[in-house]
C-alpha atoms as a PDB file:
ATOM      1  CA  UNK A   1       6.048 -33.131  15.447  1.00  0.00           C
ATOM      2  CA  UNK A   2       3.327 -34.958  13.534  1.00  0.00           C
ATOM      3  CA  UNK A   3       5.778 -37.551  12.178  1.00  0.00           C
ATOM      4  CA  UNK A   4       7.456 -38.258  15.523  1.00  0.00           C
ATOM      5  CA  UNK A   5       6.344 -41.177  17.678  1.00  0.00           C
ATOM      6  CA  UNK A   6       5.838 -40.691  21.372  1.00  0.00           C
ATOM      7  CA  UNK A   7       6.723 -43.426  23.862  1.00  0.00           C
ATOM      8  CA  UNK A   8       4.151 -41.985  26.232  1.00  0.00           C
ATOM      9  CA  UNK A   9       0.507 -43.131  26.121  1.00  0.00           C
ATOM     10  CA  UNK A  10      -1.818 -41.519  23.606  1.00  0.00           C
ATOM     11  CA  UNK A  11      -3.707 -38.386  24.649  1.00  0.00           C
ATOM     12  CA  UNK A  12      -6.897 -39.269  26.524  1.00  0.00           C
ATOM     13  CA  UNK A  13      -5.959 -42.929  27.194  1.00  0.00           C
ATOM     14  CA  UNK A  14      -6.162 -44.343  30.690  1.00  0.00           C
ATOM     15  CA  UNK A  15      -3.577 -46.817  31.867  1.00  0.00           C
ATOM     16  CA  UNK A  16      -4.920 -49.435  34.297  1.00  0.00           C
ATOM     17  CA  UNK A  17      -2.824 -50.768  37.160  1.00  0.00           C
ATOM     18  CA  UNK A  18      -1.815 -54.384  36.702  1.00  0.00           C
ATOM     19  CA  UNK A  19      -4.152 -56.885  38.344  1.00  0.00           C
ATOM     20  CA  UNK A  20      -2.150 -58.572  41.148  1.00  0.00           C
ATOM     21  CA  UNK A  21      -2.108 -62.312  41.444  1.00  0.00           C
ATOM     22  CA  UNK A  22      -4.161 -63.928  44.214  1.00  0.00           C
ATOM     23  CA  UNK A  23      -3.549 -66.823  46.476  1.00  0.00           C
ATOM     24  CA  UNK A  24      -6.077 -69.533  47.061  1.00  0.00           C
ATOM     25  CA  UNK A  25      -8.756 -68.425  49.450  1.00  0.00           C
ATOM     26  CA  UNK A  26      -7.892 -64.752  49.191  1.00  0.00           C
ATOM     27  CA  UNK A  27     -10.081 -62.060  47.739  1.00  0.00           C
ATOM     28  CA  UNK A  28      -8.526 -60.302  44.766  1.00  0.00           C
ATOM     29  CA  UNK A  29      -7.245 -56.824  45.408  1.00  0.00           C
ATOM     30  CA  UNK A  30      -9.257 -53.926  43.954  1.00  0.00           C
ATOM     31  CA  UNK A  31      -8.196 -52.759  40.480  1.00  0.00           C
ATOM     32  CA  UNK A  32      -7.587 -48.986  40.092  1.00  0.00           C
ATOM     33  CA  UNK A  33      -8.947 -47.302  36.942  1.00  0.00           C
ATOM     34  CA  UNK A  34      -7.369 -43.896  37.730  1.00  0.00           C
ATOM     35  CA  UNK A  35      -4.352 -42.722  35.648  1.00  0.00           C
ATOM     36  CA  UNK A  36      -1.033 -42.349  37.399  1.00  0.00           C
ATOM     37  CA  UNK A  37       0.294 -38.796  37.951  1.00  0.00           C
ATOM     38  CA  UNK A  38       2.928 -38.909  35.193  1.00  0.00           C
ATOM     39  CA  UNK A  39       0.348 -39.877  32.585  1.00  0.00           C
ATOM     40  CA  UNK A  40      -2.058 -37.186  33.764  1.00  0.00           C
ATOM     41  CA  UNK A  41       0.615 -34.510  33.595  1.00  0.00           C
ATOM     42  CA  UNK A  42       1.564 -35.579  30.061  1.00  0.00           C
ATOM     43  CA  UNK A  43      -2.052 -35.509  28.926  1.00  0.00           C
ATOM     44  CA  UNK A  44      -2.560 -32.013  30.320  1.00  0.00           C
ATOM     45  CA  UNK A  45       0.604 -30.672  28.663  1.00  0.00           C
ATOM     46  CA  UNK A  46      -0.162 -32.188  25.252  1.00  0.00           C
ATOM     47  CA  UNK A  47      -3.778 -31.085  25.443  1.00  0.00           C
ATOM     48  CA  UNK A  48      -2.726 -27.527  26.270  1.00  0.00           C
ATOM     49  CA  UNK A  49      -0.373 -27.412  23.296  1.00  0.00           C
ATOM     50  CA  UNK A  50      -3.053 -28.640  20.917  1.00  0.00           C
ATOM     51  CA  UNK A  51      -5.534 -26.078  22.237  1.00  0.00           C
ATOM     52  CA  UNK A  52      -2.988 -23.248  21.867  1.00  0.00           C
ATOM     53  CA  UNK A  53      -2.292 -24.175  18.262  1.00  0.00           C
ATOM     54  CA  UNK A  54      -5.979 -24.303  17.390  1.00  0.00           C
ATOM     55  CA  UNK A  55      -6.710 -20.971  19.072  1.00  0.00           C
ATOM     56  CA  UNK A  56      -3.718 -19.323  17.434  1.00  0.00           C
ATOM     57  CA  UNK A  57      -4.803 -20.548  13.991  1.00  0.00           C
ATOM     58  CA  UNK A  58      -8.323 -19.210  14.497  1.00  0.00           C
ATOM     59  CA  UNK A  59      -7.168 -15.823  15.754  1.00  0.00           C
ATOM     60  CA  UNK A  60      -4.692 -15.553  12.912  1.00  0.00           C
ATOM     61  CA  UNK A  61      -7.464 -16.045  10.365  1.00  0.00           C
ATOM     62  CA  UNK A  62      -9.624 -13.434  12.102  1.00  0.00           C
ATOM     63  CA  UNK A  63      -6.857 -10.823  12.276  1.00  0.00           C
ATOM     64  CA  UNK A  64      -5.223 -11.501   8.933  1.00  0.00           C
ATOM     65  CA  UNK A  65      -8.015 -12.531   6.638  1.00  0.00           C
ATOM     66  CA  UNK A  66     -10.494  -9.687   6.893  1.00  0.00           C
ATOM     67  CA  UNK A  67     -11.059  -6.957   4.320  1.00  0.00           C
ATOM     68  CA  UNK A  68     -10.815  -3.272   5.007  1.00  0.00           C
ATOM     69  CA  UNK A  69     -14.132  -1.489   5.251  1.00  0.00           C
ATOM     70  CA  UNK A  70     -12.883   2.082   4.998  1.00  0.00           C
ATOM     71  CA  UNK A  71     -10.613   3.118   2.213  1.00  0.00           C
ATOM     72  CA  UNK A  72     -10.415  -0.119   0.281  1.00  0.00           C
ATOM     73  CA  UNK A  73      -7.743  -2.791   0.379  1.00  0.00           C
ATOM     74  CA  UNK A  74      -4.888  -0.441   1.100  1.00  0.00           C
ATOM     75  CA  UNK A  75      -6.562   1.532   3.905  1.00  0.00           C
ATOM     76  CA  UNK A  76      -4.991  -0.772   6.472  1.00  0.00           C
ATOM     77  CA  UNK A  77      -1.596   0.495   5.335  1.00  0.00           C
ATOM     78  CA  UNK A  78      -2.783   4.070   5.159  1.00  0.00           C
ATOM     79  CA  UNK A  79      -3.840   3.976   8.824  1.00  0.00           C
ATOM     80  CA  UNK A  80      -0.838   1.934   9.954  1.00  0.00           C
ATOM     81  CA  UNK A  81       1.602   3.956  12.040  1.00  0.00           C
ATOM     82  CA  UNK A  82       5.267   3.006  11.686  1.00  0.00           C
ATOM     83  CA  UNK A  83       7.406   3.737  14.704  1.00  0.00           C
ATOM     84  CA  UNK A  84      10.865   5.228  14.144  1.00  0.00           C
ATOM     85  CA  UNK A  85      13.417   2.553  13.368  1.00  0.00           C
ATOM     86  CA  UNK A  86      10.963   0.090  11.836  1.00  0.00           C
ATOM     87  CA  UNK A  87      12.505  -1.691   8.863  1.00  0.00           C
ATOM     88  CA  UNK A  88      11.162  -3.640   5.905  1.00  0.00           C
ATOM     89  CA  UNK A  89       8.121  -5.685   6.833  1.00  0.00           C
ATOM     90  CA  UNK A  90       4.990  -7.382   5.517  1.00  0.00           C
ATOM     91  CA  UNK A  91       1.373  -6.847   6.531  1.00  0.00           C
ATOM     92  CA  UNK A  92       0.276 -10.440   5.993  1.00  0.00           C
ATOM     93  CA  UNK A  93      -2.879 -11.174   4.005  1.00  0.00           C
ATOM     94  CA  UNK A  94      -3.484  -7.518   3.117  1.00  0.00           C
ATOM     95  CA  UNK A  95       0.000  -7.103   1.657  1.00  0.00           C
ATOM     96  CA  UNK A  96      -0.780  -8.472  -1.816  1.00  0.00           C
ATOM     97  CA  UNK A  97      -3.730  -6.106  -2.221  1.00  0.00           C
ATOM     98  CA  UNK A  98      -1.726  -3.169  -0.894  1.00  0.00           C
ATOM     99  CA  UNK A  99       1.154  -3.866  -3.289  1.00  0.00           C
ATOM    100  CA  UNK A 100      -1.045  -4.191  -6.375  1.00  0.00           C
ATOM    101  CA  UNK A 101      -0.480  -1.343  -8.794  1.00  0.00           C
ATOM    102  CA  UNK A 102      -3.451   0.897  -9.602  1.00  0.00           C
ATOM    103  CA  UNK A 103      -4.319   3.196 -12.474  1.00  0.00           C
ATOM    104  CA  UNK A 104      -4.148   0.429 -15.076  1.00  0.00           C
ATOM    105  CA  UNK A 105      -7.840   0.603 -16.042  1.00  0.00           C
ATOM    106  CA  UNK A 106     -10.702   3.086 -16.355  1.00  0.00           C
ATOM    107  CA  UNK A 107     -12.924   0.770 -14.276  1.00  0.00           C
ATOM    108  CA  UNK A 108     -12.036  -0.771 -10.939  1.00  0.00           C
ATOM    109  CA  UNK A 109     -13.654  -1.446  -7.556  1.00  0.00           C
ATOM    110  CA  UNK A 110     -17.126  -0.818  -9.019  1.00  0.00           C
ATOM    111  CA  UNK A 111     -16.193   2.682 -10.219  1.00  0.00           C
ATOM    112  CA  UNK A 112     -15.508   4.069 -13.706  1.00  0.00           C
ATOM    113  CA  UNK A 113     -13.595   7.113 -14.888  1.00  0.00           C
ATOM    114  CA  UNK A 114     -15.600   8.755 -17.680  1.00  0.00           C
ATOM    115  CA  UNK A 115     -13.769  11.513 -19.602  1.00  0.00           C
ATOM    116  CA  UNK A 116     -15.890  14.393 -20.839  1.00  0.00           C
ATOM    117  CA  UNK A 117     -13.039  15.867 -22.880  1.00  0.00           C
ATOM    118  CA  UNK A 118      -9.830  14.238 -24.052  1.00  0.00           C
ATOM    119  CA  UNK A 119      -8.558  16.151 -27.107  1.00  0.00           C
ATOM    120  CA  UNK A 120      -5.396  18.219 -26.650  1.00  0.00           C
ATOM    121  CA  UNK A 121      -2.948  20.138 -28.810  1.00  0.00           C
ATOM    122  CA  UNK A 122       0.655  19.880 -27.659  1.00  0.00           C
ATOM    123  CA  UNK A 123       1.840  23.068 -25.999  1.00  0.00           C
ATOM    124  CA  UNK A 124      -1.587  24.721 -25.900  1.00  0.00           C
ATOM    125  CA  UNK A 125      -3.670  25.288 -22.783  1.00  0.00           C
ATOM    126  CA  UNK A 126      -6.652  22.981 -22.539  1.00  0.00           C
ATOM    127  CA  UNK A 127      -9.023  21.553 -19.961  1.00  0.00           C
ATOM    128  CA  UNK A 128      -9.639  18.015 -18.739  1.00  0.00           C
ATOM    129  CA  UNK A 129     -13.187  17.214 -17.638  1.00  0.00           C
ATOM    130  CA  UNK A 130     -14.371  13.875 -16.280  1.00  0.00           C
ATOM    131  CA  UNK A 131     -16.844  12.137 -13.989  1.00  0.00           C
ATOM    132  CA  UNK A 132     -16.649   9.149 -11.642  1.00  0.00           C
ATOM    133  CA  UNK A 133     -19.588   6.757 -12.014  1.00  0.00           C
ATOM    134  CA  UNK A 134     -20.684   3.773  -9.944  1.00  0.00           C
ATOM    135  CA  UNK A 135     -21.846   0.332 -11.053  1.00  0.00           C
ATOM    136  CA  UNK A 136     -25.317   1.678 -11.911  1.00  0.00           C
ATOM    137  CA  UNK A 137     -23.731   4.441 -14.035  1.00  0.00           C
ATOM    138  CA  UNK A 138     -24.776   7.045 -11.503  1.00  0.00           C
ATOM    139  CA  UNK A 139     -22.411   9.995 -11.133  1.00  0.00           C
ATOM    140  CA  UNK A 140     -20.602   9.942  -7.800  1.00  0.00           C
ATOM    141  CA  UNK A 141     -20.691  13.307  -6.036  1.00  0.00           C
ATOM    142  CA  UNK A 142     -19.393  12.473  -2.544  1.00  0.00           C
ATOM    143  CA  UNK A 143     -15.668  12.059  -1.893  1.00  0.00           C
ATOM    144  CA  UNK A 144     -13.513  11.927   1.217  1.00  0.00           C
ATOM    145  CA  UNK A 145     -10.756  14.472   1.709  1.00  0.00           C
ATOM    146  CA  UNK A 146      -7.441  12.581   1.634  1.00  0.00           C
ATOM    147  CA  UNK A 147      -4.099  14.386   1.877  1.00  0.00           C
ATOM    148  CA  UNK A 148      -6.026  17.674   2.083  1.00  0.00           C
ATOM    149  CA  UNK A 149      -7.840  17.167  -1.248  1.00  0.00           C
ATOM    150  CA  UNK A 150     -10.861  15.143  -2.463  1.00  0.00           C
ATOM    151  CA  UNK A 151      -9.243  14.434  -5.848  1.00  0.00           C
ATOM    152  CA  UNK A 152      -5.604  14.066  -6.899  1.00  0.00           C
ATOM    153  CA  UNK A 153      -4.865  14.004 -10.621  1.00  0.00           C
ATOM    154  CA  UNK A 154      -1.444  12.838 -11.801  1.00  0.00           C
ATOM    155  CA  UNK A 155      -0.511  13.331 -15.469  1.00  0.00           C
ATOM    156  CA  UNK A 156       2.639  11.936 -17.087  1.00  0.00           C
ATOM    157  CA  UNK A 157       3.700  10.984 -20.590  1.00  0.00           C
ATOM    158  CA  UNK A 158       4.063   7.276 -21.201  1.00  0.00           C
ATOM    159  CA  UNK A 159       7.858   7.582 -21.224  1.00  0.00           C
ATOM    160  CA  UNK A 160       7.477   8.874 -17.616  1.00  0.00           C
ATOM    161  CA  UNK A 161       8.387  12.485 -18.487  1.00  0.00           C
ATOM    162  CA  UNK A 162       6.356  15.679 -18.022  1.00  0.00           C
ATOM    163  CA  UNK A 163       4.989  14.815 -14.548  1.00  0.00           C
ATOM    164  CA  UNK A 164       2.175  17.041 -13.241  1.00  0.00           C
ATOM    165  CA  UNK A 165       0.262  16.843  -9.964  1.00  0.00           C
ATOM    166  CA  UNK A 166      -3.086  18.668 -10.195  1.00  0.00           C
ATOM    167  CA  UNK A 167      -6.209  19.106  -8.083  1.00  0.00           C
ATOM    168  CA  UNK A 168      -9.453  19.381 -10.069  1.00  0.00           C
ATOM    169  CA  UNK A 169     -12.600  21.028  -8.773  1.00  0.00           C
ATOM    170  CA  UNK A 170     -16.031  19.421  -8.903  1.00  0.00           C
ATOM    171  CA  UNK A 171     -19.269  20.995 -10.130  1.00  0.00           C
ATOM    172  CA  UNK A 172     -22.624  20.246  -8.532  1.00  0.00           C
ATOM    173  CA  UNK A 173     -23.385  17.555 -11.134  1.00  0.00           C
ATOM    174  CA  UNK A 174     -20.205  15.631 -10.239  1.00  0.00           C
ATOM    175  CA  UNK A 175     -18.114  16.805 -13.209  1.00  0.00           C
ATOM    176  CA  UNK A 176     -14.466  17.394 -12.322  1.00  0.00           C
ATOM    177  CA  UNK A 177     -12.450  19.930 -14.309  1.00  0.00           C
ATOM    178  CA  UNK A 178      -8.886  21.206 -14.296  1.00  0.00           C
ATOM    179  CA  UNK A 179      -6.773  23.323 -16.668  1.00  0.00           C
ATOM    180  CA  UNK A 180      -4.239  21.070 -18.387  1.00  0.00           C
ATOM    181  CA  UNK A 181      -1.439  21.634 -20.877  1.00  0.00           C
ATOM    182  CA  UNK A 182       0.364  18.693 -22.462  1.00  0.00           C
ATOM    183  CA  UNK A 183       3.677  20.330 -23.377  1.00  0.00           C
ATOM    184  CA  UNK A 184       4.899  17.691 -25.833  1.00  0.00           C
ATOM    185  CA  UNK A 185       3.210  15.413 -28.396  1.00  0.00           C
ATOM    186  CA  UNK A 186       2.607  11.831 -27.398  1.00  0.00           C
ATOM    187  CA  UNK A 187       0.339   9.571 -25.379  1.00  0.00           C
ATOM    188  CA  UNK A 188      -0.115  10.709 -21.806  1.00  0.00           C
ATOM    189  CA  UNK A 189      -1.543   8.880 -18.808  1.00  0.00           C
ATOM    190  CA  UNK A 190      -3.931  10.605 -16.379  1.00  0.00           C
ATOM    191  CA  UNK A 191      -4.518   9.043 -12.940  1.00  0.00           C
ATOM    192  CA  UNK A 192      -7.501   9.956 -10.772  1.00  0.00           C
ATOM    193  CA  UNK A 193      -6.618   9.090  -7.159  1.00  0.00           C
ATOM    194  CA  UNK A 194      -9.604   9.433  -4.795  1.00  0.00           C
ATOM    195  CA  UNK A 195     -11.827   7.903  -2.113  1.00  0.00           C
ATOM    196  CA  UNK A 196     -15.520   7.707  -3.032  1.00  0.00           C
ATOM    197  CA  UNK A 197     -18.245   7.786  -0.373  1.00  0.00           C
ATOM    198  CA  UNK A 198     -21.351   5.642  -0.813  1.00  0.00           C
ATOM    199  CA  UNK A 199     -24.776   6.549   0.553  1.00  0.00           C
ATOM    200  CA  UNK A 200     -24.366   3.988   3.339  1.00  0.00           C
ATOM    201  CA  UNK A 201     -21.062   5.522   4.420  1.00  0.00           C
ATOM    202  CA  UNK A 202     -18.757   2.948   2.837  1.00  0.00           C
ATOM    203  CA  UNK A 203     -15.483   4.298   1.480  1.00  0.00           C
ATOM    204  CA  UNK A 204     -13.762   3.045  -1.661  1.00  0.00           C
ATOM    205  CA  UNK A 205     -10.198   4.224  -2.206  1.00  0.00           C
ATOM    206  CA  UNK A 206      -8.917   3.552  -5.709  1.00  0.00           C
ATOM    207  CA  UNK A 207      -6.921   4.935  -8.617  1.00  0.00           C
ATOM    208  CA  UNK A 208      -8.338   4.931 -12.149  1.00  0.00           C
ATOM    209  CA  UNK A 209      -6.384   5.758 -15.293  1.00  0.00           C
ATOM    210  CA  UNK A 210      -7.063   6.931 -18.833  1.00  0.00           C
ATOM    211  CA  UNK A 211      -4.875   7.812 -21.827  1.00  0.00           C
ATOM    212  CA  UNK A 212      -4.794  11.319 -23.280  1.00  0.00           C
ATOM    213  CA  UNK A 213      -3.388  12.079 -26.731  1.00  0.00           C
ATOM    214  CA  UNK A 214      -1.539  15.112 -28.023  1.00  0.00           C
ATOM    215  CA  UNK A 215      -0.974  14.445 -31.758  1.00  0.00           C
ATOM    216  CA  UNK A 216       2.439  15.038 -33.291  1.00  0.00           C
ATOM    217  CA  UNK A 217       5.870  13.510 -33.702  1.00  0.00           C
ATOM    218  CA  UNK A 218       6.750  11.552 -30.587  1.00  0.00           C
ATOM    219  CA  UNK A 219      10.207  10.253 -29.731  1.00  0.00           C
ATOM    220  CA  UNK A 220      10.211   8.494 -26.337  1.00  0.00           C
ATOM    221  CA  UNK A 221      13.000   9.448 -23.962  1.00  0.00           C
ATOM    222  CA  UNK A 222      15.064   6.804 -22.220  1.00  0.00           C
ATOM    223  CA  UNK A 223      14.506   6.541 -18.482  1.00  0.00           C
ATOM    224  CA  UNK A 224      17.430   8.049 -16.535  1.00  0.00           C
ATOM    225  CA  UNK A 225      19.707   5.617 -14.731  1.00  0.00           C
ATOM    226  CA  UNK A 226      19.180   5.018 -10.997  1.00  0.00           C
ATOM    227  CA  UNK A 227      20.773   7.705  -8.807  1.00  0.00           C
ATOM    228  CA  UNK A 228      20.669   8.714  -5.163  1.00  0.00           C
ATOM    229  CA  UNK A 229      20.981  12.456  -5.686  1.00  0.00           C
ATOM    230  CA  UNK A 230      19.429  15.104  -7.932  1.00  0.00           C
ATOM    231  CA  UNK A 231      19.188  18.901  -8.075  1.00  0.00           C
ATOM    232  CA  UNK A 232      16.021  20.980  -8.502  1.00  0.00           C
ATOM    233  CA  UNK A 233      16.183  24.807  -8.678  1.00  0.00           C
ATOM    234  CA  UNK A 234      19.396  24.819  -6.655  1.00  0.00           C
ATOM    235  CA  UNK A 235      18.052  22.382  -4.022  1.00  0.00           C
ATOM    236  CA  UNK A 236      19.932  19.107  -3.677  1.00  0.00           C
ATOM    237  CA  UNK A 237      17.721  16.124  -2.870  1.00  0.00           C
ATOM    238  CA  UNK A 238      19.269  12.911  -1.607  1.00  0.00           C
ATOM    239  CA  UNK A 239      17.466   9.571  -1.731  1.00  0.00           C
ATOM    240  CA  UNK A 240      17.985   6.703   0.691  1.00  0.00           C
ATOM    241  CA  UNK A 241      16.185   3.365   0.662  1.00  0.00           C
ATOM    242  CA  UNK A 242      16.147  -0.136  -0.752  1.00  0.00           C
ATOM    243  CA  UNK A 243      12.711  -1.128  -2.092  1.00  0.00           C
ATOM    244  CA  UNK A 244      12.116  -4.880  -2.161  1.00  0.00           C
ATOM    245  CA  UNK A 245       9.375  -6.789  -4.030  1.00  0.00           C
ATOM    246  CA  UNK A 246       6.349  -7.461  -1.855  1.00  0.00           C
ATOM    247  CA  UNK A 247       7.678  -5.672   1.223  1.00  0.00           C
ATOM    248  CA  UNK A 248       6.844  -2.319   2.766  1.00  0.00           C
ATOM    249  CA  UNK A 249      10.102  -0.437   3.247  1.00  0.00           C
ATOM    250  CA  UNK A 250      11.037   3.084   4.371  1.00  0.00           C
ATOM    251  CA  UNK A 251      12.452   5.488   1.789  1.00  0.00           C
ATOM    252  CA  UNK A 252      13.774   8.881   2.826  1.00  0.00           C
ATOM    253  CA  UNK A 253      14.617  12.157   1.114  1.00  0.00           C
ATOM    254  CA  UNK A 254      16.953  14.764   2.580  1.00  0.00           C
ATOM    255  CA  UNK A 255      16.915  18.259   1.077  1.00  0.00           C
ATOM    256  CA  UNK A 256      19.785  20.736   1.151  1.00  0.00           C
ATOM    257  CA  UNK A 257      19.427  24.364   0.081  1.00  0.00           C
ATOM    258  CA  UNK A 258      21.742  26.342  -2.213  1.00  0.00           C
ATOM    259  CA  UNK A 259      23.674  27.561   0.852  1.00  0.00           C
ATOM    260  CA  UNK A 260      24.426  23.994   1.950  1.00  0.00           C
ATOM    261  CA  UNK A 261      21.998  23.976   4.871  1.00  0.00           C
ATOM    262  CA  UNK A 262      18.638  22.331   5.253  1.00  0.00           C
ATOM    263  CA  UNK A 263      15.794  24.650   4.162  1.00  0.00           C
ATOM    264  CA  UNK A 264      12.649  25.210   6.181  1.00  0.00           C
ATOM    265  CA  UNK A 265      10.284  22.646   4.692  1.00  0.00           C
ATOM    266  CA  UNK A 266       6.600  23.459   4.656  1.00  0.00           C
ATOM    267  CA  UNK A 267       3.728  21.008   4.840  1.00  0.00           C
ATOM    268  CA  UNK A 268       2.284  20.014   1.504  1.00  0.00           C
ATOM    269  CA  UNK A 269      -0.909  17.943   1.309  1.00  0.00           C
ATOM    270  CA  UNK A 270      -0.841  17.281   5.036  1.00  0.00           C
ATOM    271  CA  UNK A 271       2.806  16.223   5.285  1.00  0.00           C
ATOM    272  CA  UNK A 272       6.275  17.494   4.484  1.00  0.00           C
ATOM    273  CA  UNK A 273       6.158  15.898   1.068  1.00  0.00           C
ATOM    274  CA  UNK A 274       4.071  13.897  -1.371  1.00  0.00           C
ATOM    275  CA  UNK A 275       5.458  10.914  -3.282  1.00  0.00           C
ATOM    276  CA  UNK A 276       4.146   9.203  -6.420  1.00  0.00           C
ATOM    277  CA  UNK A 277       5.718   5.980  -7.737  1.00  0.00           C
ATOM    278  CA  UNK A 278       5.093   4.656 -11.265  1.00  0.00           C
ATOM    279  CA  UNK A 279       6.266   1.343 -12.711  1.00  0.00           C
ATOM    280  CA  UNK A 280       8.096   1.362 -16.043  1.00  0.00           C
ATOM    281  CA  UNK A 281       6.364  -0.684 -18.747  1.00  0.00           C
ATOM    282  CA  UNK A 282       2.692  -0.623 -17.769  1.00  0.00           C
ATOM    283  CA  UNK A 283       2.807   2.637 -15.749  1.00  0.00           C
ATOM    284  CA  UNK A 284       1.268   0.978 -12.699  1.00  0.00           C
ATOM    285  CA  UNK A 285       0.531   3.533  -9.962  1.00  0.00           C
ATOM    286  CA  UNK A 286       1.682   2.793  -6.416  1.00  0.00           C
ATOM    287  CA  UNK A 287       0.252   4.251  -3.227  1.00  0.00           C
ATOM    288  CA  UNK A 288       2.983   5.652  -0.991  1.00  0.00           C
ATOM    289  CA  UNK A 289       2.237   6.611   2.601  1.00  0.00           C
ATOM    290  CA  UNK A 290       4.133   9.460   4.301  1.00  0.00           C
ATOM    291  CA  UNK A 291       5.195  10.020   7.861  1.00  0.00           C
ATOM    292  CA  UNK A 292       3.383  13.029   9.281  1.00  0.00           C
ATOM    293  CA  UNK A 293       6.595  14.419  10.788  1.00  0.00           C
ATOM    294  CA  UNK A 294      10.195  14.687   9.655  1.00  0.00           C
ATOM    295  CA  UNK A 295      12.455  11.831  10.736  1.00  0.00           C
ATOM    296  CA  UNK A 296      15.901  13.133  11.693  1.00  0.00           C
ATOM    297  CA  UNK A 297      15.329  16.051   9.341  1.00  0.00           C
ATOM    298  CA  UNK A 298      14.372  13.853   6.370  1.00  0.00           C
ATOM    299  CA  UNK A 299      11.028  13.250   4.645  1.00  0.00           C
ATOM    300  CA  UNK A 300      10.165   9.568   5.047  1.00  0.00           C
ATOM    301  CA  UNK A 301       7.614   7.443   3.215  1.00  0.00           C
ATOM    302  CA  UNK A 302       6.606   3.768   3.243  1.00  0.00           C
ATOM    303  CA  UNK A 303       6.765   2.194  -0.197  1.00  0.00           C
ATOM    304  CA  UNK A 304       5.462  -1.208  -1.312  1.00  0.00           C
ATOM    305  CA  UNK A 305       6.564  -2.414  -4.753  1.00  0.00           C
ATOM    306  CA  UNK A 306       4.647  -5.401  -6.192  1.00  0.00           C
ATOM    307  CA  UNK A 307       7.567  -6.909  -8.114  1.00  0.00           C
ATOM    308  CA  UNK A 308      10.997  -6.364  -9.641  1.00  0.00           C
ATOM    309  CA  UNK A 309      11.596  -3.737 -12.297  1.00  0.00           C
ATOM    310  CA  UNK A 310      12.370  -0.057 -12.676  1.00  0.00           C
ATOM    311  CA  UNK A 311      10.219   2.560 -10.978  1.00  0.00           C
ATOM    312  CA  UNK A 312      10.138   6.325 -11.291  1.00  0.00           C
ATOM    313  CA  UNK A 313       9.660   8.288  -8.042  1.00  0.00           C
ATOM    314  CA  UNK A 314       8.307  11.859  -8.008  1.00  0.00           C
ATOM    315  CA  UNK A 315       8.790  13.787  -4.754  1.00  0.00           C
ATOM    316  CA  UNK A 316       6.808  17.011  -4.290  1.00  0.00           C
ATOM    317  CA  UNK A 317       8.116  19.295  -1.520  1.00  0.00           C
ATOM    318  CA  UNK A 318       7.405  22.904  -0.582  1.00  0.00           C
ATOM    319  CA  UNK A 319       9.809  25.676   0.413  1.00  0.00           C
ATOM    320  CA  UNK A 320       8.811  29.346   0.757  1.00  0.00           C
ATOM    321  CA  UNK A 321       5.359  28.672  -0.668  1.00  0.00           C
ATOM    322  CA  UNK A 322       6.613  27.037  -3.881  1.00  0.00           C
ATOM    323  CA  UNK A 323       6.216  23.340  -4.683  1.00  0.00           C
ATOM    324  CA  UNK A 324       9.080  21.628  -6.497  1.00  0.00           C
ATOM    325  CA  UNK A 325       9.409  18.069  -7.808  1.00  0.00           C
ATOM    326  CA  UNK A 326      12.479  15.850  -7.556  1.00  0.00           C
ATOM    327  CA  UNK A 327      12.566  12.707  -9.701  1.00  0.00           C
ATOM    328  CA  UNK A 328      14.453   9.441  -9.178  1.00  0.00           C
ATOM    329  CA  UNK A 329      14.765   6.136 -10.994  1.00  0.00           C
ATOM    330  CA  UNK A 330      14.839   3.148  -8.623  1.00  0.00           C
ATOM    331  CA  UNK A 331      15.748  -0.420  -9.558  1.00  0.00           C
ATOM    332  CA  UNK A 332      13.889  -3.125  -7.597  1.00  0.00           C
ATOM    333  CA  UNK A 333      15.296  -6.635  -7.800  1.00  0.00           C
END
């Protein structure tokens, strides 16, 4: 539109009626300074369009450019309700922050994960103890309950094997502790996934990561090839979905029992399943948001992958009081 020329008068101009000629001895006719109706209509239409564009631009910046005040950058996605049938979509300005992988550093968002114990012997029971400290190195002692727990601890070896999902308990001084056994030698990654509460009520949702070492001979295992079906303790778990870089897409899991029928799924951590996604290479941790209810009998989540690559998905589900984990490799391109 900006490069097109209009034959109509410019916005805001006034076209004067032509001055008629006069005969000798006659008074000249009055000259009208009012615009004709066609010009006035054109001016009003063009002016309305310009005003609409300006208002739309301003509202778009207000709605799309703000930062979340509760739960950090990805809280907008956490609180976003997806109606049944919604497909892949973007959340605008917040999407890049929501898609960014977490757990890559011990310090992030003004918070630091400080281990109090990190030595382990492969195959022997041990204990992991740590604190969360703020920018003034004060120990944080207030946390929001998210997915039924104030702290989620994910532990996995750096070849993405040996997945564990644990829930530490906190002492009065802010020290978290949890029994932990690293079954095989190697370098392991521990992720602390939590929402800290500041004195002024602000919430900071983040994931911090630290390496743990179990000395010994370590031979990394190759990541299994992508598949849409796996079996866990006689339960068959089917995967459906097509993750795309930078988009939030639905992924679903349908579980069939040993008798060929769908088992009675129980709620686990506030939903019918819990899903963790890790990126091969740097072990970036992705937040995945579940639907509160089953969708056509399947457990559905909303997954945002920041870029192409291979990802390992870990689905926790509960049947008859026992939690099981189904694992999938997903290729994003």
